[in-house]
Amino acid sequence: MYLMLLAAYGEIVTMMMIIAALFYVLLPWYVQTAIWIVNLFIPDPVPFFDEFVMFLPIAYKVKNIIVISEFLRKYGIALAVLMGTGVVALIVYMIAK
């Protein structure tokens, strides 16, 4: 009976860890960074492994921010003109209807 309870407890803890990991990945990069910094000072049995794993989503999001900003810097004016043309066309369509 005790082993069954222990196994059920292990499954519950595993599910909670998976949910926490999914929640962490969905957080904004600045919240992830704050949690990562706090985690740097929490002692754990495997040093630096969890810090490395927690840093990967932060690095990925920062890389995406850089890529998007470079895209907007390069094509921002053309994108604004296309969006403005679309808005004007939508307004003309709504007025003509």
Protein backbone atom coordinates (compact mmCIF):
# COMPACT_ATOMS: atom_id res chain seq x y z
CA MET A 1 0.00 0.00 0.00
CA TYR A 2 2.82 2.35 0.91
CA LEU A 3 4.54 1.79 -2.43
CA MET A 4 1.32 2.57 -4.30
CA LEU A 5 0.97 5.85 -2.40
CA LEU A 6 4.60 6.66 -3.07
CA ALA A 7 4.16 5.96 -6.78
CA ALA A 8 1.01 8.12 -6.90
CA TYR A 9 2.88 10.90 -5.10
CA GLY A 10 5.72 10.65 -7.63
CA GLU A 11 3.28 10.90 -10.52
CA ILE A 12 1.63 13.95 -8.98
CA VAL A 13 5.00 15.65 -8.45
CA THR A 14 6.02 14.83 -12.03
CA MET A 15 2.79 16.31 -13.41
CA MET A 16 3.26 19.43 -11.29
CA MET A 17 6.83 19.81 -12.60
CA ILE A 18 5.62 19.47 -16.21
CA ILE A 19 2.89 22.07 -15.64
CA ALA A 20 5.41 24.41 -13.96
CA ALA A 21 7.84 24.00 -16.87
CA LEU A 22 5.12 24.76 -19.43
CA PHE A 23 4.03 27.77 -17.40
CA TYR A 24 7.66 28.98 -17.20
CA VAL A 25 8.15 28.71 -20.97
CA LEU A 26 5.04 30.83 -21.59
CA LEU A 27 6.16 33.68 -19.32
CA PRO A 28 7.60 36.89 -20.79
CA TRP A 29 11.39 36.95 -21.07
CA TYR A 30 11.86 39.54 -18.32
CA VAL A 31 9.86 37.44 -15.81
CA GLN A 32 11.85 34.36 -16.84
CA THR A 33 15.06 36.32 -16.27
CA ALA A 34 13.93 37.34 -12.77
CA ILE A 35 13.06 33.73 -11.90
CA TRP A 36 16.37 32.55 -13.36
CA ILE A 37 18.34 35.03 -11.24
CA VAL A 38 16.50 33.90 -8.10
CA ASN A 39 17.19 30.27 -9.05
CA LEU A 40 20.92 31.01 -9.29
CA PHE A 41 21.02 31.44 -5.50
CA ILE A 42 18.92 28.37 -4.60
CA PRO A 43 21.15 25.38 -3.80
CA ASP A 44 20.38 22.20 -5.71
CA PRO A 45 21.95 18.75 -6.07
CA VAL A 46 23.02 19.22 -9.71
CA PRO A 47 24.68 22.64 -9.92
CA PHE A 48 24.28 24.72 -13.08
CA PHE A 49 22.19 22.17 -15.00
CA ASP A 50 18.80 23.66 -14.13
CA GLU A 51 20.17 27.18 -14.59
CA PHE A 52 21.31 26.21 -18.10
CA VAL A 53 17.94 24.60 -18.90
CA MET A 54 16.09 27.67 -17.58
CA PHE A 55 18.30 30.01 -19.63
CA LEU A 56 17.50 28.35 -22.98
CA PRO A 57 13.95 29.82 -23.36
CA ILE A 58 15.27 33.25 -22.34
CA ALA A 59 17.98 33.13 -25.00
CA TYR A 60 15.48 31.94 -27.62
CA LYS A 61 13.07 34.80 -26.85
CA VAL A 62 15.84 37.41 -26.88
CA LYS A 63 17.05 36.06 -30.24
CA ASN A 64 13.50 36.36 -31.61
CA ILE A 65 13.23 39.93 -30.35
CA ILE A 66 16.49 40.80 -32.11
CA VAL A 67 15.38 39.14 -35.36
CA ILE A 68 12.00 40.91 -35.30
CA SER A 69 13.60 44.29 -34.57
CA GLU A 70 16.05 43.82 -37.44
CA PHE A 71 13.17 42.88 -39.76
CA LEU A 72 11.19 45.96 -38.70
CA ARG A 73 14.25 48.18 -39.09
CA LYS A 74 14.79 46.85 -42.61
CA TYR A 75 11.18 46.62 -43.84
CA GLY A 76 9.31 48.82 -41.36
CA ILE A 77 8.44 51.62 -43.80
CA ALA A 78 7.22 49.21 -46.49
CA LEU A 79 5.18 47.31 -43.89
CA ALA A 80 3.64 50.55 -42.60
CA VAL A 81 2.75 51.61 -46.17
CA LEU A 82 1.13 48.23 -46.88
CA MET A 83 -0.85 48.31 -43.63
CA GLY A 84 -1.89 51.92 -44.26
CA THR A 85 -3.03 51.04 -47.78
CA GLY A 86 -5.04 48.15 -46.37
CA VAL A 87 -6.70 50.39 -43.77
CA VAL A 88 -7.54 53.04 -46.38
CA ALA A 89 -8.96 50.36 -48.70
CA LEU A 90 -11.07 48.97 -45.83
CA ILE A 91 -12.39 52.43 -44.97
CA VAL A 92 -13.27 53.14 -48.62
CA TYR A 93 -14.99 49.77 -48.86
CA MET A 94 -17.02 50.41 -45.70
CA ILE A 95 -18.03 53.89 -46.86
CA ALA A 96 -19.01 52.68 -50.35
CA LYS A 97 -21.10 49.87 -48.93
